[in-house]
Amino acid sequence: LVAILVSRGVPAVTVATTLEHLGRVLHDFPRAARYLEAA
């Protein structure tokens, strides 16, 4: 997704901030939190 968005002029930071947000919202989901951090 990052490669697709960057090729269309959308900065990677938009994905990074969304992953950070989801990590906060899903803090009580241990596996999901690990996957988000890995991404």
Full PDB file with SEQRES, HELIX, SHEET, SSBOND, CRYST1, ORIGX, SCALE, CONECT and MASTER records, all heavy atoms in Angstrom:
SEQRES   1 A   39  LEU VAL ALA ILE LEU VAL SER ARG GLY VAL PRO ALA VAL          
SEQRES   2 A   39  THR VAL ALA THR THR LEU GLU HIS LEU GLY ARG VAL LEU          
SEQRES   3 A   39  HIS ASP PHE PRO ARG ALA ALA ARG TYR LEU GLU ALA ALA          
HELIX    1 AA1 VAL A    2  SER A    7  1                                   6    
HELIX    2 AA2 VAL A   13  VAL A   25  1                                  13    
HELIX    3 AA3 PRO A   30  ALA A   38  1                                   9    
CRYST1    1.000    1.000    1.000  90.00  90.00  90.00 P 1           1          
ORIGX1      1.000000  0.000000  0.000000        0.00000                         
ORIGX2      0.000000  1.000000  0.000000        0.00000                         
ORIGX3      0.000000  0.000000  1.000000        0.00000                         
SCALE1      1.000000  0.000000  0.000000        0.00000                         
SCALE2      0.000000  1.000000  0.000000        0.00000                         
SCALE3      0.000000  0.000000  1.000000        0.00000                         
ATOM      1  N   LEU A   1       0.828  -1.205   0.000  1.00  0.00           N  
ATOM      2  CA  LEU A   1       0.000   0.000   0.000  1.00  0.00           C  
ATOM      3  C   LEU A   1       0.863   1.257   0.000  1.00  0.00           C  
ATOM      4  O   LEU A   1       0.569   2.220  -0.727  1.00  0.00           O  
ATOM      5  CB  LEU A   1      -0.920  -0.004   1.227  1.00  0.00           C  
ATOM      6  CG  LEU A   1      -1.837   1.213   1.393  1.00  0.00           C  
ATOM      7  CD1 LEU A   1      -2.805   1.331   0.222  1.00  0.00           C  
ATOM      8  CD2 LEU A   1      -2.597   1.139   2.714  1.00  0.00           C  
ATOM      9  N   VAL A   2       1.924   1.265   0.785  1.00  0.00           N  
ATOM     10  CA  VAL A   2       2.822   2.422   0.818  1.00  0.00           C  
ATOM     11  C   VAL A   2       3.407   2.673  -0.565  1.00  0.00           C  
ATOM     12  O   VAL A   2       3.457   3.819  -1.042  1.00  0.00           O  
ATOM     13  CB  VAL A   2       3.939   2.215   1.862  1.00  0.00           C  
ATOM     14  CG1 VAL A   2       5.037   3.265   1.691  1.00  0.00           C  
ATOM     15  CG2 VAL A   2       3.360   2.292   3.271  1.00  0.00           C  
ATOM     16  N   ALA A   3       3.846   1.604  -1.233  1.00  0.00           N  
ATOM     17  CA  ALA A   3       4.423   1.759  -2.573  1.00  0.00           C  
ATOM     18  C   ALA A   3       3.396   2.334  -3.552  1.00  0.00           C  
ATOM     19  O   ALA A   3       3.718   3.209  -4.368  1.00  0.00           O  
ATOM     20  CB  ALA A   3       4.945   0.416  -3.076  1.00  0.00           C  
ATOM     21  N   ILE A   4       2.165   1.859  -3.461  1.00  0.00           N  
ATOM     22  CA  ILE A   4       1.105   2.354  -4.341  1.00  0.00           C  
ATOM     23  C   ILE A   4       0.840   3.834  -4.070  1.00  0.00           C  
ATOM     24  O   ILE A   4       0.769   4.657  -4.997  1.00  0.00           O  
ATOM     25  CB  ILE A   4      -0.190   1.542  -4.137  1.00  0.00           C  
ATOM     26  CG1 ILE A   4      -0.004   0.094  -4.606  1.00  0.00           C  
ATOM     27  CG2 ILE A   4      -1.359   2.196  -4.872  1.00  0.00           C  
ATOM     28  CD1 ILE A   4       0.193  -0.058  -6.079  1.00  0.00           C  
ATOM     29  N   LEU A   5       0.685   4.188  -2.796  1.00  0.00           N  
ATOM     30  CA  LEU A   5       0.358   5.574  -2.453  1.00  0.00           C  
ATOM     31  C   LEU A   5       1.494   6.525  -2.818  1.00  0.00           C  
ATOM     32  O   LEU A   5       1.257   7.618  -3.346  1.00  0.00           O  
ATOM     33  CB  LEU A   5       0.035   5.672  -0.965  1.00  0.00           C  
ATOM     34  CG  LEU A   5      -1.250   4.966  -0.519  1.00  0.00           C  
ATOM     35  CD1 LEU A   5      -1.423   5.074   0.996  1.00  0.00           C  
ATOM     36  CD2 LEU A   5      -2.474   5.522  -1.231  1.00  0.00           C  
ATOM     37  N   VAL A   6       2.733   6.119  -2.526  1.00  0.00           N  
ATOM     38  CA  VAL A   6       3.876   6.983  -2.846  1.00  0.00           C  
ATOM     39  C   VAL A   6       3.967   7.222  -4.350  1.00  0.00           C  
ATOM     40  O   VAL A   6       4.256   8.338  -4.805  1.00  0.00           O  
ATOM     41  CB  VAL A   6       5.181   6.371  -2.299  1.00  0.00           C  
ATOM     42  CG1 VAL A   6       6.401   7.097  -2.855  1.00  0.00           C  
ATOM     43  CG2 VAL A   6       5.192   6.427  -0.768  1.00  0.00           C  
ATOM     44  N   SER A   7       3.670   6.187  -5.152  1.00  0.00           N  
ATOM     45  CA  SER A   7       3.707   6.352  -6.611  1.00  0.00           C  
ATOM     46  C   SER A   7       2.657   7.337  -7.094  1.00  0.00           C  
ATOM     47  O   SER A   7       2.753   7.871  -8.195  1.00  0.00           O  
ATOM     48  CB  SER A   7       3.519   5.001  -7.306  1.00  0.00           C  
ATOM     49  OG  SER A   7       2.167   4.568  -7.231  1.00  0.00           O  
ATOM     50  N   ARG A   8       1.650   7.591  -6.244  1.00  0.00           N  
ATOM     51  CA  ARG A   8       0.577   8.525  -6.591  1.00  0.00           C  
ATOM     52  C   ARG A   8       0.688   9.846  -5.834  1.00  0.00           C  
ATOM     53  O   ARG A   8      -0.267  10.617  -5.760  1.00  0.00           O  
ATOM     54  CB  ARG A   8      -0.777   7.860  -6.333  1.00  0.00           C  
ATOM     55  CG  ARG A   8      -1.093   6.799  -7.396  1.00  0.00           C  
ATOM     56  CD  ARG A   8      -1.982   5.712  -6.850  1.00  0.00           C  
ATOM     57  NE  ARG A   8      -2.367   4.755  -7.908  1.00  0.00           N  
ATOM     58  CZ  ARG A   8      -1.566   3.802  -8.386  1.00  0.00           C  
ATOM     59  NH1 ARG A   8      -0.338   3.671  -7.900  1.00  0.00           N  
ATOM     60  NH2 ARG A   8      -1.977   2.982  -9.343  1.00  0.00           N  
ATOM     61  N   GLY A   9       1.855  10.067  -5.232  1.00  0.00           N  
ATOM     62  CA  GLY A   9       2.116  11.339  -4.581  1.00  0.00           C  
ATOM     63  C   GLY A   9       1.607  11.468  -3.166  1.00  0.00           C  
ATOM     64  O   GLY A   9       1.595  12.568  -2.604  1.00  0.00           O  
ATOM     65  N   VAL A  10       1.177  10.369  -2.541  1.00  0.00           N  
ATOM     66  CA  VAL A  10       0.701  10.402  -1.158  1.00  0.00           C  
ATOM     67  C   VAL A  10       1.856   9.976  -0.262  1.00  0.00           C  
ATOM     68  O   VAL A  10       2.407   8.889  -0.428  1.00  0.00           O  
ATOM     69  CB  VAL A  10      -0.500   9.460  -0.953  1.00  0.00           C  
ATOM     70  CG1 VAL A  10      -0.974   9.504   0.503  1.00  0.00           C  
ATOM     71  CG2 VAL A  10      -1.629   9.831  -1.909  1.00  0.00           C  
ATOM     72  N   PRO A  11       2.258  10.794   0.703  1.00  0.00           N  
ATOM     73  CA  PRO A  11       3.422  10.455   1.539  1.00  0.00           C  
ATOM     74  C   PRO A  11       3.174   9.250   2.439  1.00  0.00           C  
ATOM     75  O   PRO A  11       2.054   9.026   2.916  1.00  0.00           O  
ATOM     76  CB  PRO A  11       3.649  11.728   2.370  1.00  0.00           C  
ATOM     77  CG  PRO A  11       2.318  12.409   2.383  1.00  0.00           C  
ATOM     78  CD  PRO A  11       1.688  12.112   1.046  1.00  0.00           C  
ATOM     79  N   ALA A  12       4.225   8.493   2.687  1.00  0.00           N  
ATOM     80  CA  ALA A  12       4.128   7.291   3.515  1.00  0.00           C  
ATOM     81  C   ALA A  12       3.692   7.606   4.930  1.00  0.00           C  
ATOM     82  O   ALA A  12       3.122   6.745   5.613  1.00  0.00           O  
ATOM     83  CB  ALA A  12       5.476   6.562   3.534  1.00  0.00           C  
ATOM     84  N   VAL A  13       3.924   8.835   5.367  1.00  0.00           N  
ATOM     85  CA  VAL A  13       3.595   9.194   6.742  1.00  0.00           C  
ATOM     86  C   VAL A  13       2.104   9.052   7.016  1.00  0.00           C  
ATOM     87  O   VAL A  13       1.682   8.830   8.150  1.00  0.00           O  
ATOM     88  CB  VAL A  13       4.084  10.625   7.061  1.00  0.00           C  
ATOM     89  CG1 VAL A  13       3.288  11.671   6.278  1.00  0.00           C  
ATOM     90  CG2 VAL A  13       4.008  10.907   8.556  1.00  0.00           C  
ATOM     91  N   THR A  14       1.266   9.188   5.990  1.00  0.00           N  
ATOM     92  CA  THR A  14      -0.173   9.034   6.218  1.00  0.00           C  
ATOM     93  C   THR A  14      -0.508   7.621   6.674  1.00  0.00           C  
ATOM     94  O   THR A  14      -1.400   7.424   7.508  1.00  0.00           O  
ATOM     95  CB  THR A  14      -0.970   9.367   4.949  1.00  0.00           C  
ATOM     96  OG1 THR A  14      -0.556   8.492   3.884  1.00  0.00           O  
ATOM     97  CG2 THR A  14      -0.748  10.811   4.521  1.00  0.00           C  
ATOM     98  N   VAL A  15       0.193   6.632   6.133  1.00  0.00           N  
ATOM     99  CA  VAL A  15      -0.013   5.255   6.577  1.00  0.00           C  
ATOM    100  C   VAL A  15       0.572   5.062   7.965  1.00  0.00           C  
ATOM    101  O   VAL A  15      -0.045   4.429   8.837  1.00  0.00           O  
ATOM    102  CB  VAL A  15       0.625   4.258   5.587  1.00  0.00           C  
ATOM    103  CG1 VAL A  15       0.468   2.823   6.094  1.00  0.00           C  
ATOM    104  CG2 VAL A  15      -0.012   4.394   4.203  1.00  0.00           C  
ATOM    105  N   ALA A  16       1.755   5.620   8.200  1.00  0.00           N  
ATOM    106  CA  ALA A  16       2.400   5.475   9.503  1.00  0.00           C  
ATOM    107  C   ALA A  16       1.528   6.028  10.622  1.00  0.00           C  
ATOM    108  O   ALA A  16       1.391   5.416  11.691  1.00  0.00           O  
ATOM    109  CB  ALA A  16       3.765   6.167   9.495  1.00  0.00           C  
ATOM    110  N   THR A  17       0.945   7.210  10.399  1.00  0.00           N  
ATOM    111  CA  THR A  17       0.115   7.804  11.446  1.00  0.00           C  
ATOM    112  C   THR A  17      -1.164   7.004  11.672  1.00  0.00           C  
ATOM    113  O   THR A  17      -1.638   6.901  12.809  1.00  0.00           O  
ATOM    114  CB  THR A  17      -0.247   9.260  11.086  1.00  0.00           C  
ATOM    115  OG1 THR A  17      -0.876   9.290   9.798  1.00  0.00           O  
ATOM    116  CG2 THR A  17       0.985  10.134  11.070  1.00  0.00           C  
ATOM    117  N   THR A  18      -1.705   6.423  10.613  1.00  0.00           N  
ATOM    118  CA  THR A  18      -2.904   5.591  10.773  1.00  0.00           C  
ATOM    119  C   THR A  18      -2.588   4.325  11.558  1.00  0.00           C  
ATOM    120  O   THR A  18      -3.363   3.905  12.423  1.00  0.00           O  
ATOM    121  CB  THR A  18      -3.496   5.237   9.404  1.00  0.00           C  
ATOM    122  OG1 THR A  18      -3.910   6.439   8.743  1.00  0.00           O  
ATOM    123  CG2 THR A  18      -4.703   4.310   9.552  1.00  0.00           C  
ATOM    124  N   LEU A  19      -1.447   3.716  11.294  1.00  0.00           N  
ATOM    125  CA  LEU A  19      -1.048   2.536  12.057  1.00  0.00           C  
ATOM    126  C   LEU A  19      -0.846   2.887  13.528  1.00  0.00           C  
ATOM    127  O   LEU A  19      -1.216   2.123  14.422  1.00  0.00           O  
ATOM    128  CB  LEU A  19       0.241   1.947  11.479  1.00  0.00           C  
ATOM    129  CG  LEU A  19       0.169   1.395  10.060  1.00  0.00           C  
ATOM    130  CD1 LEU A  19       1.550   0.919   9.618  1.00  0.00           C  
ATOM    131  CD2 LEU A  19      -0.839   0.265   9.958  1.00  0.00           C  
ATOM    132  N   GLU A  20      -0.262   4.053  13.756  1.00  0.00           N  
ATOM    133  CA  GLU A  20      -0.054   4.499  15.139  1.00  0.00           C  
ATOM    134  C   GLU A  20      -1.399   4.682  15.838  1.00  0.00           C  
ATOM    135  O   GLU A  20      -1.590   4.259  16.988  1.00  0.00           O  
ATOM    136  CB  GLU A  20       0.725   5.809  15.147  1.00  0.00           C  
ATOM    137  CG  GLU A  20       1.013   6.344  16.539  1.00  0.00           C  
ATOM    138  CD  GLU A  20       1.708   7.694  16.493  1.00  0.00           C  
ATOM    139  OE1 GLU A  20       2.129   8.105  15.398  1.00  0.00           O  
ATOM    140  OE2 GLU A  20       1.795   8.339  17.556  1.00  0.00           O  
ATOM    141  N   HIS A  21      -2.353   5.292  15.140  1.00  0.00           N  
ATOM    142  CA  HIS A  21      -3.688   5.498  15.714  1.00  0.00           C  
ATOM    143  C   HIS A  21      -4.362   4.173  16.026  1.00  0.00           C  
ATOM    144  O   HIS A  21      -4.915   3.978  17.124  1.00  0.00           O  
ATOM    145  CB  HIS A  21      -4.548   6.311  14.750  1.00  0.00           C  
ATOM    146  CG  HIS A  21      -5.992   6.352  15.140  1.00  0.00           C  
ATOM    147  ND1 HIS A  21      -6.463   7.133  16.166  1.00  0.00           N  
ATOM    148  CD2 HIS A  21      -7.073   5.674  14.646  1.00  0.00           C  
ATOM    149  CE1 HIS A  21      -7.773   6.948  16.293  1.00  0.00           C  
ATOM    150  NE2 HIS A  21      -8.168   6.071  15.383  1.00  0.00           N  
ATOM    151  N   LEU A  22      -4.322   3.249  15.078  1.00  0.00           N  
ATOM    152  CA  LEU A  22      -4.953   1.943  15.306  1.00  0.00           C  
ATOM    153  C   LEU A  22      -4.291   1.216  16.470  1.00  0.00           C  
ATOM    154  O   LEU A  22      -4.960   0.520  17.243  1.00  0.00           O  
ATOM    155  CB  LEU A  22      -4.878   1.093  14.034  1.00  0.00           C  
ATOM    156  CG  LEU A  22      -5.753   1.567  12.865  1.00  0.00           C  
ATOM    157  CD1 LEU A  22      -5.476   0.724  11.629  1.00  0.00           C  
ATOM    158  CD2 LEU A  22      -7.237   1.501  13.216  1.00  0.00           C  
ATOM    159  N   GLY A  23      -2.990   1.382  16.606  1.00  0.00           N  
ATOM    160  CA  GLY A  23      -2.293   0.760  17.722  1.00  0.00           C  
ATOM    161  C   GLY A  23      -2.791   1.271  19.060  1.00  0.00           C  
ATOM    162  O   GLY A  23      -2.918   0.502  20.030  1.00  0.00           O  
ATOM    163  N   ARG A  24      -3.070   2.577  19.115  1.00  0.00           N  
ATOM    164  CA  ARG A  24      -3.595   3.134  20.358  1.00  0.00           C  
ATOM    165  C   ARG A  24      -5.015   2.628  20.638  1.00  0.00           C  
ATOM    166  O   ARG A  24      -5.347   2.244  21.761  1.00  0.00           O  
ATOM    167  CB  ARG A  24      -3.596   4.664  20.297  1.00  0.00           C  
ATOM    168  CG  ARG A  24      -2.235   5.311  20.345  1.00  0.00           C  
ATOM    169  CD  ARG A  24      -2.340   6.800  20.689  1.00  0.00           C  
ATOM    170  NE  ARG A  24      -3.250   7.494  19.775  1.00  0.00           N  
ATOM    171  CZ  ARG A  24      -2.878   8.055  18.630  1.00  0.00           C  
ATOM    172  NH1 ARG A  24      -1.614   7.962  18.247  1.00  0.00           N  
ATOM    173  NH2 ARG A  24      -3.745   8.684  17.878  1.00  0.00           N  
ATOM    174  N   VAL A  25      -5.833   2.631  19.604  1.00  0.00           N  
ATOM    175  CA  VAL A  25      -7.230   2.210  19.773  1.00  0.00           C  
ATOM    176  C   VAL A  25      -7.317   0.732  20.144  1.00  0.00           C  
ATOM    177  O   VAL A  25      -8.169   0.324  20.936  1.00  0.00           O  
ATOM    178  CB  VAL A  25      -8.027   2.499  18.483  1.00  0.00           C  
ATOM    179  CG1 VAL A  25      -9.437   1.923  18.589  1.00  0.00           C  
ATOM    180  CG2 VAL A  25      -8.094   3.996  18.210  1.00  0.00           C  
ATOM    181  N   LEU A  26      -6.403  -0.074  19.576  1.00  0.00           N  
ATOM    182  CA  LEU A  26      -6.442  -1.528  19.789  1.00  0.00           C  
ATOM    183  C   LEU A  26      -5.391  -1.965  20.816  1.00  0.00           C  
ATOM    184  O   LEU A  26      -4.854  -3.066  20.722  1.00  0.00           O  
ATOM    185  CB  LEU A  26      -6.219  -2.252  18.452  1.00  0.00           C  
ATOM    186  CG  LEU A  26      -7.293  -2.004  17.381  1.00  0.00           C  
ATOM    187  CD1 LEU A  26      -6.878  -2.612  16.047  1.00  0.00           C  
ATOM    188  CD2 LEU A  26      -8.640  -2.573  17.817  1.00  0.00           C  
ATOM    189  N   HIS A  27      -5.146  -1.136  21.812  1.00  0.00           N  
ATOM    190  CA  HIS A  27      -4.114  -1.454  22.795  1.00  0.00           C  
ATOM    191  C   HIS A  27      -4.449  -2.708  23.602  1.00  0.00           C  
ATOM    192  O   HIS A  27      -3.556  -3.379  24.136  1.00  0.00           O  
ATOM    193  CB  HIS A  27      -3.911  -0.280  23.754  1.00  0.00           C  
ATOM    194  CG  HIS A  27      -5.139   0.041  24.569  1.00  0.00           C  
ATOM    195  ND1 HIS A  27      -5.402  -0.544  25.778  1.00  0.00           N  
ATOM    196  CD2 HIS A  27      -6.177   0.882  24.309  1.00  0.00           C  
ATOM    197  CE1 HIS A  27      -6.553  -0.082  26.246  1.00  0.00           C  
ATOM    198  NE2 HIS A  27      -7.052   0.782  25.384  1.00  0.00           N  
ATOM    199  N   ASP A  28      -5.754  -3.062  23.661  1.00  0.00           N  
ATOM    200  CA  ASP A  28      -6.146  -4.251  24.411  1.00  0.00           C  
ATOM    201  C   ASP A  28      -6.276  -5.479  23.515  1.00  0.00           C  
ATOM    202  O   ASP A  28      -6.850  -6.491  23.924  1.00  0.00           O  
ATOM    203  CB  ASP A  28      -7.465  -4.001  25.150  1.00  0.00           C  
ATOM    204  CG  ASP A  28      -8.586  -3.509  24.237  1.00  0.00           C  
ATOM    205  OD1 ASP A  28      -8.272  -3.113  23.089  1.00  0.00           O  
ATOM    206  OD2 ASP A  28      -9.756  -3.521  24.660  1.00  0.00           O  
ATOM    207  N   PHE A  29      -5.736  -5.405  22.299  1.00  0.00           N  
ATOM    208  CA  PHE A  29      -5.684  -6.526  21.355  1.00  0.00           C  
ATOM    209  C   PHE A  29      -4.208  -6.907  21.194  1.00  0.00           C  
ATOM    210  O   PHE A  29      -3.522  -6.363  20.320  1.00  0.00           O  
ATOM    211  CB  PHE A  29      -6.264  -6.128  19.994  1.00  0.00           C  
ATOM    212  CG  PHE A  29      -7.755  -6.007  19.942  1.00  0.00           C  
ATOM    213  CD1 PHE A  29      -8.433  -5.137  20.780  1.00  0.00           C  
ATOM    214  CD2 PHE A  29      -8.488  -6.754  19.031  1.00  0.00           C  
ATOM    215  CE1 PHE A  29      -9.804  -5.011  20.723  1.00  0.00           C  
ATOM    216  CE2 PHE A  29      -9.871  -6.637  18.956  1.00  0.00           C  
ATOM    217  CZ  PHE A  29     -10.537  -5.769  19.813  1.00  0.00           C  
ATOM    218  N   PRO A  30      -3.682  -7.813  22.014  1.00  0.00           N  
ATOM    219  CA  PRO A  30      -2.228  -8.073  21.997  1.00  0.00           C  
ATOM    220  C   PRO A  30      -1.676  -8.469  20.629  1.00  0.00           C  
ATOM    221  O   PRO A  30      -0.631  -7.947  20.216  1.00  0.00           O  
ATOM    222  CB  PRO A  30      -2.064  -9.208  23.016  1.00  0.00           C  
ATOM    223  CG  PRO A  30      -3.251  -9.097  23.909  1.00  0.00           C  
ATOM    224  CD  PRO A  30      -4.368  -8.598  23.048  1.00  0.00           C  
ATOM    225  N   ARG A  31      -2.353  -9.399  19.953  1.00  0.00           N  
ATOM    226  CA  ARG A  31      -1.804  -9.823  18.657  1.00  0.00           C  
ATOM    227  C   ARG A  31      -1.896  -8.697  17.636  1.00  0.00           C  
ATOM    228  O   ARG A  31      -0.946  -8.440  16.881  1.00  0.00           O  
ATOM    229  CB  ARG A  31      -2.552 -11.060  18.145  1.00  0.00           C  
ATOM    230  CG  ARG A  31      -2.179 -12.336  18.878  1.00  0.00           C  
ATOM    231  CD  ARG A  31      -2.581 -13.590  18.099  1.00  0.00           C  
ATOM    232  NE  ARG A  31      -4.043 -13.712  18.002  1.00  0.00           N  
ATOM    233  CZ  ARG A  31      -4.706 -13.995  16.878  1.00  0.00           C  
ATOM    234  NH1 ARG A  31      -4.049 -14.173  15.758  1.00  0.00           N  
ATOM    235  NH2 ARG A  31      -6.026 -14.111  16.884  1.00  0.00           N  
ATOM    236  N   ALA A  32      -3.024  -8.011  17.580  1.00  0.00           N  
ATOM    237  CA  ALA A  32      -3.179  -6.908  16.638  1.00  0.00           C  
ATOM    238  C   ALA A  32      -2.154  -5.815  16.906  1.00  0.00           C  
ATOM    239  O   ALA A  32      -1.570  -5.252  15.962  1.00  0.00           O  
ATOM    240  CB  ALA A  32      -4.590  -6.345  16.720  1.00  0.00           C  
ATOM    241  N   ALA A  33      -1.907  -5.517  18.169  1.00  0.00           N  
ATOM    242  CA  ALA A  33      -0.922  -4.485  18.512  1.00  0.00           C  
ATOM    243  C   ALA A  33       0.470  -4.871  18.013  1.00  0.00           C  
ATOM    244  O   ALA A  33       1.213  -4.030  17.496  1.00  0.00           O  
ATOM    245  CB  ALA A  33      -0.910  -4.263  20.021  1.00  0.00           C  
ATOM    246  N   ARG A  34       0.824  -6.153  18.152  1.00  0.00           N  
ATOM    247  CA  ARG A  34       2.137  -6.609  17.659  1.00  0.00           C  
ATOM    248  C   ARG A  34       2.212  -6.490  16.139  1.00  0.00           C  
ATOM    249  O   ARG A  34       3.247  -6.087  15.591  1.00  0.00           O  
ATOM    250  CB  ARG A  34       2.378  -8.065  18.075  1.00  0.00           C  
ATOM    251  CG  ARG A  34       2.631  -8.258  19.565  1.00  0.00           C  
ATOM    252  CD  ARG A  34       3.298  -9.598  19.830  1.00  0.00           C  
ATOM    253  NE  ARG A  34       2.541 -10.721  19.281  1.00  0.00           N  
ATOM    254  CZ  ARG A  34       1.580 -11.364  19.922  1.00  0.00           C  
ATOM    255  NH1 ARG A  34       1.212 -10.970  21.136  1.00  0.00           N  
ATOM    256  NH2 ARG A  34       0.956 -12.391  19.374  1.00  0.00           N  
ATOM    257  N   TYR A  35       1.142  -6.835  15.454  1.00  0.00           N  
ATOM    258  CA  TYR A  35       1.147  -6.774  13.997  1.00  0.00           C  
ATOM    259  C   TYR A  35       1.273  -5.327  13.521  1.00  0.00           C  
ATOM    260  O   TYR A  35       1.991  -5.030  12.554  1.00  0.00           O  
ATOM    261  CB  TYR A  35      -0.135  -7.375  13.423  1.00  0.00           C  
ATOM    262  CG  TYR A  35      -0.350  -8.839  13.728  1.00  0.00           C  
ATOM    263  CD1 TYR A  35      -1.502  -9.489  13.279  1.00  0.00           C  
ATOM    264  CD2 TYR A  35       0.567  -9.592  14.455  1.00  0.00           C  
ATOM    265  CE1 TYR A  35      -1.729 -10.834  13.537  1.00  0.00           C  
ATOM    266  CE2 TYR A  35       0.351 -10.921  14.732  1.00  0.00           C  
ATOM    267  CZ  TYR A  35      -0.800 -11.544  14.276  1.00  0.00           C  
ATOM    268  OH  TYR A  35      -1.026 -12.869  14.544  1.00  0.00           O  
ATOM    269  N   LEU A  36       0.561  -4.425  14.190  1.00  0.00           N  
ATOM    270  CA  LEU A  36       0.636  -3.014  13.823  1.00  0.00           C  
ATOM    271  C   LEU A  36       2.039  -2.462  14.053  1.00  0.00           C  
ATOM    272  O   LEU A  36       2.565  -1.708  13.230  1.00  0.00           O  
ATOM    273  CB  LEU A  36      -0.391  -2.217  14.632  1.00  0.00           C  
ATOM    274  CG  LEU A  36      -1.850  -2.438  14.219  1.00  0.00           C  
ATOM    275  CD1 LEU A  36      -2.797  -2.011  15.332  1.00  0.00           C  
ATOM    276  CD2 LEU A  36      -2.153  -1.675  12.934  1.00  0.00           C  
ATOM    277  N   GLU A  37       2.656  -2.859  15.141  1.00  0.00           N  
ATOM    278  CA  GLU A  37       4.020  -2.407  15.420  1.00  0.00           C  
ATOM    279  C   GLU A  37       5.002  -2.968  14.389  1.00  0.00           C  
ATOM    280  O   GLU A  37       5.921  -2.269  13.942  1.00  0.00           O  
ATOM    281  CB  GLU A  37       4.436  -2.829  16.834  1.00  0.00           C  
ATOM    282  CG  GLU A  37       5.794  -2.300  17.263  1.00  0.00           C  
ATOM    283  CD  GLU A  37       5.869  -0.790  17.229  1.00  0.00           C  
ATOM    284  OE1 GLU A  37       4.849  -0.135  17.505  1.00  0.00           O  
ATOM    285  OE2 GLU A  37       6.952  -0.260  16.905  1.00  0.00           O  
ATOM    286  N   ALA A  38       4.808  -4.231  14.007  1.00  0.00           N  
ATOM    287  CA  ALA A  38       5.674  -4.830  12.984  1.00  0.00           C  
ATOM    288  C   ALA A  38       5.533  -4.093  11.666  1.00  0.00           C  
ATOM    289  O   ALA A  38       6.516  -3.870  10.946  1.00  0.00           O  
ATOM    290  CB  ALA A  38       5.321  -6.310  12.808  1.00  0.00           C  
ATOM    291  N   ALA A  39       4.314  -3.676  11.326  1.00  0.00           N  
ATOM    292  CA  ALA A  39       4.100  -2.944  10.078  1.00  0.00           C  
ATOM    293  C   ALA A  39       4.744  -1.564  10.141  1.00  0.00           C  
ATOM    294  O   ALA A  39       5.334  -1.094   9.157  1.00  0.00           O  
ATOM    295  CB  ALA A  39       2.606  -2.818   9.801  1.00  0.00           C  
TER     296      ALA A  39                                                      
MASTER        0    0    0    3    0    0    0    6  295    1    0    3          
END                                                                             
